[in-house]
Amino acid sequence: MGAAFCERWYPKKAIYMPQPTWPNHIPLMRDSLLHGKNYRYYNYSDCSLDFKGMMADLEDAEEGSLVLLHACAHNPTGVDPSMDQWKQLAVLMKQKGHFPFFDAAYQGFASGDPERDAAAVRYFADEGFNMLVCQSFAKNMGLYGQRTGAVHFVCQDAEEVKRVDSQLKIVIRPMYSNPPVHGARLVAKILGDAELTAQWRTEVKEMADRIISMRHALVGALKELGSTRDWSHVTNQIGMFSYTGLNKAQVQRMVEEFSVYMTADGRISVAGLNTGNVEYVAKCMHEVTK
């Protein structure tokens, strides 16, 4: 919806996306008739954020470009900018007149703290950006089958709100007309009740903390097995996913020899680890990286 609106009304028809990004971003933007371009994001050599490359590419981008940003728990790498880096990025984007297009899919599910996970979005709003935020409740409220979320437009003034609202309805009507209400009503019920909100915050933190604990358990098991590789990137990353640093050949061995499945680029779902399998996964990773 957000992309379709931008294609219709935003003057620039290219959108800069991090390389890599969530694979579905690419066809979503293409099918919305936006031209996808990339900016550097990830250092494969040391499994870290390529902040220098990111800043350079957005500096070189045409003024007023659409820029897709992962609000937290970058998918697929699990690597996020620090708050200081977000602030530097905001300065650059304001200088270039870029338009932030945030994808907020993991608020609360990344760190366990919804405020911390929303810090980048709120900072950009406080800095006076007009921007777009696509928010999902699929993970943080367990509503994957309900496709529940929201699109938020931060506008210049009340008159612009009216214009955006009217044109957004024109985009929505032939697209899906009316959204399903069940998931939305669940979210409204929980967030509209202080006691239920407190319970949700507790439970979403438990989920996030479990994933974080599995990161540490995996790295701890690798060290106990005698691995001499630096696995600190696994615990430095955040969210559901981890770029393990395994190469394609190592991934192939994991699949063919040990029946441990992951994407060819070495990404694993940390949520799939538990106390019953983490030691086995560590043993297999150690075996293929010796």
Protein backbone atom coordinates (compact mmCIF):
# COMPACT_ATOMS: atom_id res chain seq x y z
CA MET A 1 0.00 0.00 0.00
CA GLY A 2 2.75 2.41 0.95
CA ALA A 3 4.76 1.60 -2.17
CA ALA A 4 1.71 1.92 -4.42
CA PHE A 5 0.93 5.32 -2.90
CA CYS A 6 4.52 6.50 -3.43
CA GLU A 7 4.51 5.31 -7.04
CA ARG A 8 1.37 7.36 -7.67
CA TRP A 9 2.24 10.54 -5.79
CA TYR A 10 5.94 10.72 -4.90
CA PRO A 11 7.88 12.50 -7.67
CA LYS A 12 10.84 10.09 -7.64
CA LYS A 13 10.10 6.54 -8.82
CA ALA A 14 13.26 4.85 -7.53
CA ILE A 15 13.61 3.44 -4.03
CA TYR A 16 16.95 2.67 -2.43
CA MET A 17 16.99 -0.60 -0.47
CA PRO A 18 19.75 -2.11 1.69
CA GLN A 19 21.84 -4.85 0.16
CA PRO A 20 20.79 -7.38 1.36
CA THR A 21 17.18 -6.81 2.34
CA TRP A 22 14.09 -8.93 2.99
CA PRO A 23 13.75 -10.73 -0.37
CA ASN A 24 10.07 -9.87 -0.68
CA HIS A 25 10.87 -6.16 -0.66
CA ILE A 26 12.22 -6.53 -4.19
CA PRO A 27 9.05 -7.87 -5.91
CA LEU A 28 6.86 -5.68 -3.72
CA MET A 29 8.57 -2.56 -5.01
CA ARG A 30 8.83 -3.86 -8.56
CA ASP A 31 5.16 -4.78 -8.74
CA SER A 32 4.31 -1.34 -7.35
CA LEU A 33 6.23 0.05 -10.37
CA LEU A 34 9.01 1.53 -8.24
CA HIS A 35 12.53 1.06 -9.54
CA GLY A 36 14.63 -0.73 -6.94
CA LYS A 37 18.19 0.43 -6.32
CA ASN A 38 20.63 -0.73 -3.65
CA TYR A 39 22.79 0.88 -1.03
CA ARG A 40 25.58 -0.97 0.73
CA TYR A 41 24.64 -2.30 4.14
CA TYR A 42 26.56 -5.42 5.18
CA ASN A 43 30.23 -6.32 5.40
CA TYR A 44 30.44 -10.01 4.54
CA SER A 45 34.11 -10.11 5.49
CA ASP A 46 33.52 -9.49 9.19
CA CYS A 47 29.71 -9.81 9.48
CA SER A 48 29.22 -6.17 10.43
CA LEU A 49 27.35 -3.09 9.27
CA ASP A 50 28.97 -1.36 6.29
CA PHE A 51 28.06 2.06 7.64
CA LYS A 52 30.69 3.87 5.62
CA GLY A 53 29.41 2.30 2.39
CA MET A 54 25.81 2.96 3.38
CA MET A 55 26.46 6.65 3.97
CA ALA A 56 28.49 7.00 0.77
CA ASP A 57 25.78 5.41 -1.39
CA LEU A 58 23.01 7.55 0.10
CA GLU A 59 25.21 10.62 -0.31
CA ASP A 60 25.55 9.74 -4.00
CA ALA A 61 21.83 9.04 -4.44
CA GLU A 62 19.71 11.59 -6.29
CA GLU A 63 18.32 14.25 -3.99
CA GLY A 64 14.86 13.53 -2.64
CA SER A 65 15.09 9.78 -3.12
CA LEU A 66 12.90 7.22 -1.39
CA VAL A 67 15.02 5.23 1.08
CA LEU A 68 13.83 1.96 2.61
CA LEU A 69 15.03 1.52 6.20
CA HIS A 70 14.56 -1.43 8.55
CA ALA A 71 13.42 0.10 11.85
CA CYS A 72 15.04 -2.66 13.93
CA ALA A 73 16.18 -6.29 13.65
CA HIS A 74 17.29 -5.97 10.04
CA ASN A 75 16.08 -8.93 8.01
CA PRO A 76 18.04 -10.96 6.98
CA THR A 77 21.30 -9.93 8.67
CA GLY A 78 20.25 -9.07 12.24
CA VAL A 79 22.66 -6.11 12.05
CA ASP A 80 21.30 -2.68 13.04
CA PRO A 81 22.88 0.78 13.14
CA SER A 82 23.69 2.14 16.58
CA MET A 83 21.66 5.11 17.79
CA ASP A 84 24.59 7.39 17.03
CA GLN A 85 24.71 6.02 13.48
CA TRP A 86 20.96 6.57 13.08
CA LYS A 87 21.52 10.20 14.06
CA GLN A 88 24.30 10.59 11.49
CA LEU A 89 22.06 9.00 8.88
CA ALA A 90 19.24 11.43 9.74
CA VAL A 91 21.58 14.39 9.19
CA LEU A 92 22.60 13.06 5.78
CA MET A 93 19.04 12.29 4.72
CA LYS A 94 17.86 15.73 5.74
CA GLN A 95 20.71 17.35 3.80
CA LYS A 96 19.83 15.29 0.72
CA GLY A 97 16.08 15.69 1.12
CA HIS A 98 15.57 11.91 1.13
CA PHE A 99 12.21 10.45 2.15
CA PRO A 100 12.39 7.71 4.85
CA PHE A 101 10.28 4.62 4.16
CA PHE A 102 10.49 2.54 7.38
CA ASP A 103 9.65 -1.15 7.60
CA ALA A 104 8.86 -1.86 11.27
CA ALA A 105 8.23 -5.59 11.46
CA TYR A 106 9.74 -6.49 14.84
CA GLN A 107 8.93 -3.81 17.41
CA GLY A 108 9.31 -5.39 20.84
CA PHE A 109 10.31 -8.71 19.31
CA ALA A 110 13.89 -7.59 18.70
CA SER A 111 15.19 -6.35 22.04
CA GLY A 112 12.15 -7.09 24.19
CA ASP A 113 11.60 -3.35 24.66
CA PRO A 114 9.08 -1.73 22.24
CA GLU A 115 10.46 1.75 23.00
CA ARG A 116 14.02 0.77 22.22
CA ASP A 117 12.96 -0.95 19.01
CA ALA A 118 11.07 2.16 17.90
CA ALA A 119 13.87 4.58 18.78
CA ALA A 120 15.05 5.19 15.21
CA VAL A 121 11.55 5.84 13.87
CA ARG A 122 10.73 8.21 16.74
CA TYR A 123 14.03 10.05 16.33
CA PHE A 124 13.34 10.70 12.65
CA ALA A 125 9.83 11.91 13.54
CA ASP A 126 11.24 14.23 16.21
CA GLU A 127 13.68 15.59 13.64
CA GLY A 128 10.77 16.76 11.53
CA PHE A 129 10.87 14.27 8.67
CA ASN A 130 7.85 13.66 6.51
CA MET A 131 7.97 9.89 6.22
CA LEU A 132 6.14 6.61 5.84
CA VAL A 133 6.16 3.74 8.36
CA CYS A 134 4.85 0.27 7.58
CA GLN A 135 4.16 -1.56 10.86
CA SER A 136 3.44 -5.25 11.33
CA PHE A 137 1.94 -7.08 14.31
CA ALA A 138 2.54 -10.51 12.77
CA LYS A 139 5.50 -11.44 14.97
CA ASN A 140 5.18 -9.34 18.09
CA MET A 141 1.55 -10.38 18.64
CA GLY A 142 1.61 -13.81 17.04
CA LEU A 143 -0.87 -12.78 14.32
CA TYR A 144 0.95 -14.11 11.28
CA GLY A 145 -2.19 -15.65 9.84
CA GLN A 146 -4.18 -12.44 10.27
CA ARG A 147 -1.85 -10.14 8.29
CA THR A 148 -2.41 -7.37 10.81
CA GLY A 149 -0.51 -4.10 10.57
CA ALA A 150 -0.73 -0.41 9.82
CA VAL A 151 0.71 2.17 7.48
CA HIS A 152 1.57 5.54 9.00
CA PHE A 153 2.23 8.79 7.12
CA VAL A 154 3.95 11.63 8.96
CA CYS A 155 2.76 14.75 7.15
CA GLN A 156 3.71 18.41 7.11
CA ASP A 157 0.40 19.75 8.41
CA ALA A 158 -3.31 18.98 8.84
CA GLU A 159 -4.13 19.93 5.25
CA GLU A 160 -1.58 17.48 3.92
CA VAL A 161 -3.07 14.79 6.18
CA LYS A 162 -6.44 15.31 4.49
CA ARG A 163 -4.93 15.07 1.02
CA VAL A 164 -2.92 11.94 1.83
CA ASP A 165 -5.93 10.31 3.51
CA SER A 166 -8.22 10.91 0.55
CA GLN A 167 -5.71 9.64 -2.02
CA LEU A 168 -4.77 6.64 0.11
CA LYS A 169 -8.42 5.56 0.14
CA ILE A 170 -8.40 5.70 -3.66
CA VAL A 171 -5.35 3.38 -3.70
CA ILE A 172 -6.90 1.01 -1.17
CA ARG A 173 -10.35 0.64 -2.73
CA PRO A 174 -9.33 -1.43 -5.80
CA MET A 175 -6.44 -3.09 -3.95
CA TYR A 176 -8.29 -4.82 -1.10
CA SER A 177 -11.20 -2.49 -0.31
CA ASN A 178 -11.58 -3.47 3.35
CA PRO A 179 -9.05 -5.24 5.58
CA PRO A 180 -9.96 -8.24 7.74
CA VAL A 181 -10.99 -6.99 11.18
CA HIS A 182 -10.25 -9.93 13.49
CA GLY A 183 -6.53 -9.34 13.96
CA ALA A 184 -6.95 -5.57 14.11
CA ARG A 185 -9.55 -5.88 16.84
CA LEU A 186 -7.24 -8.13 18.84
CA VAL A 187 -4.45 -5.55 18.65
CA ALA A 188 -6.84 -2.73 19.55
CA LYS A 189 -8.16 -4.73 22.50
CA ILE A 190 -4.69 -5.46 23.87
CA LEU A 191 -3.23 -1.98 23.38
CA GLY A 192 -6.41 -0.32 24.59
CA ASP A 193 -6.32 -2.05 27.97
CA ALA A 194 -3.50 -1.23 30.42
CA GLU A 195 -3.53 -4.66 32.04
CA LEU A 196 -3.48 -6.53 28.73
CA THR A 197 -0.76 -4.23 27.40
CA ALA A 198 1.40 -4.96 30.46
CA GLN A 199 0.86 -8.69 29.96
CA TRP A 200 1.77 -8.42 26.27
CA ARG A 201 4.94 -6.48 27.10
CA THR A 202 5.95 -9.20 29.55
CA GLU A 203 5.30 -11.99 27.07
CA VAL A 204 6.95 -10.34 24.08
CA LYS A 205 10.03 -9.71 26.23
CA GLU A 206 10.07 -13.40 27.19
CA MET A 207 10.07 -14.31 23.50
CA ALA A 208 12.83 -11.83 22.66
CA ASP A 209 14.92 -12.88 25.67
CA ARG A 210 14.64 -16.54 24.66
CA ILE A 211 15.97 -15.77 21.19
CA ILE A 212 18.80 -13.69 22.67
CA SER A 213 19.64 -16.53 25.07
CA MET A 214 19.86 -18.95 22.12
CA ARG A 215 22.41 -16.69 20.45
CA HIS A 216 24.58 -16.88 23.55
CA ALA A 217 24.00 -20.62 23.93
CA LEU A 218 25.09 -21.25 20.32
CA VAL A 219 28.26 -19.20 20.67
CA GLY A 220 28.99 -20.75 24.08
CA ALA A 221 28.64 -24.25 22.67
CA LEU A 222 30.94 -23.43 19.76
CA LYS A 223 33.61 -22.20 22.18
CA GLU A 224 33.26 -25.31 24.33
CA LEU A 225 33.80 -27.43 21.23
CA GLY A 226 37.10 -25.64 20.69
CA SER A 227 36.16 -23.37 17.80
CA THR A 228 38.78 -20.66 17.35
CA ARG A 229 36.62 -18.54 15.04
CA ASP A 230 35.24 -15.23 16.20
CA TRP A 231 31.49 -15.78 16.61
CA SER A 232 30.80 -12.49 18.37
CA HIS A 233 28.73 -11.28 15.42
CA VAL A 234 26.07 -13.85 16.35
CA THR A 235 25.52 -12.28 19.78
CA ASN A 236 25.95 -8.73 18.45
CA GLN A 237 23.11 -9.24 15.97
CA ILE A 238 19.48 -8.87 17.03
CA GLY A 239 16.10 -10.28 16.09
CA MET A 240 14.93 -13.57 14.65
CA PHE A 241 17.71 -14.06 12.13
CA SER A 242 21.46 -14.40 12.08
CA TYR A 243 23.94 -14.26 9.26
CA THR A 244 26.22 -16.96 10.63
CA GLY A 245 29.14 -16.26 8.31
CA LEU A 246 28.97 -19.76 6.83
CA ASN A 247 29.74 -19.80 3.12
CA LYS A 248 27.79 -21.67 0.47
CA ALA A 249 30.00 -24.76 0.59
CA GLN A 250 29.72 -24.94 4.38
CA VAL A 251 25.94 -24.54 4.21
CA GLN A 252 25.79 -27.37 1.70
CA ARG A 253 27.66 -29.62 4.13
CA MET A 254 25.31 -28.63 6.94
CA VAL A 255 22.37 -29.72 4.80
CA GLU A 256 23.77 -32.84 3.16
CA GLU A 257 25.82 -34.28 6.01
CA PHE A 258 23.93 -33.15 9.10
CA SER A 259 20.37 -32.36 7.94
CA VAL A 260 20.58 -28.83 9.34
CA TYR A 261 18.79 -26.55 6.90
CA MET A 262 19.40 -22.85 6.27
CA THR A 263 19.50 -20.48 3.33
CA ALA A 264 22.51 -20.67 1.03
CA ASP A 265 23.88 -17.36 2.34
CA GLY A 266 24.25 -18.83 5.84
CA ARG A 267 21.19 -17.21 7.39
CA ILE A 268 19.50 -19.11 10.19
CA SER A 269 16.34 -18.45 12.16
CA VAL A 270 17.57 -18.15 15.73
CA ALA A 271 13.97 -18.71 16.84
CA GLY A 272 14.37 -22.27 15.56
CA LEU A 273 17.06 -23.02 18.14
CA ASN A 274 16.13 -24.45 21.53
CA THR A 275 17.78 -26.20 24.45
CA GLY A 276 17.23 -29.54 22.74
CA ASN A 277 19.00 -28.80 19.47
CA VAL A 278 21.42 -25.91 19.99
CA GLU A 279 24.36 -28.13 20.95
CA TYR A 280 23.85 -30.31 17.87
CA VAL A 281 23.69 -27.27 15.60
CA ALA A 282 26.87 -25.90 17.21
CA LYS A 283 28.61 -29.24 16.73
CA CYS A 284 27.70 -29.27 13.04
CA MET A 285 28.77 -25.65 12.55
CA HIS A 286 32.07 -26.39 14.24
CA GLU A 287 32.61 -29.43 12.03
CA VAL A 288 32.12 -27.54 8.76
CA THR A 289 34.21 -24.52 9.83
CA LYS A 290 37.30 -26.35 11.10
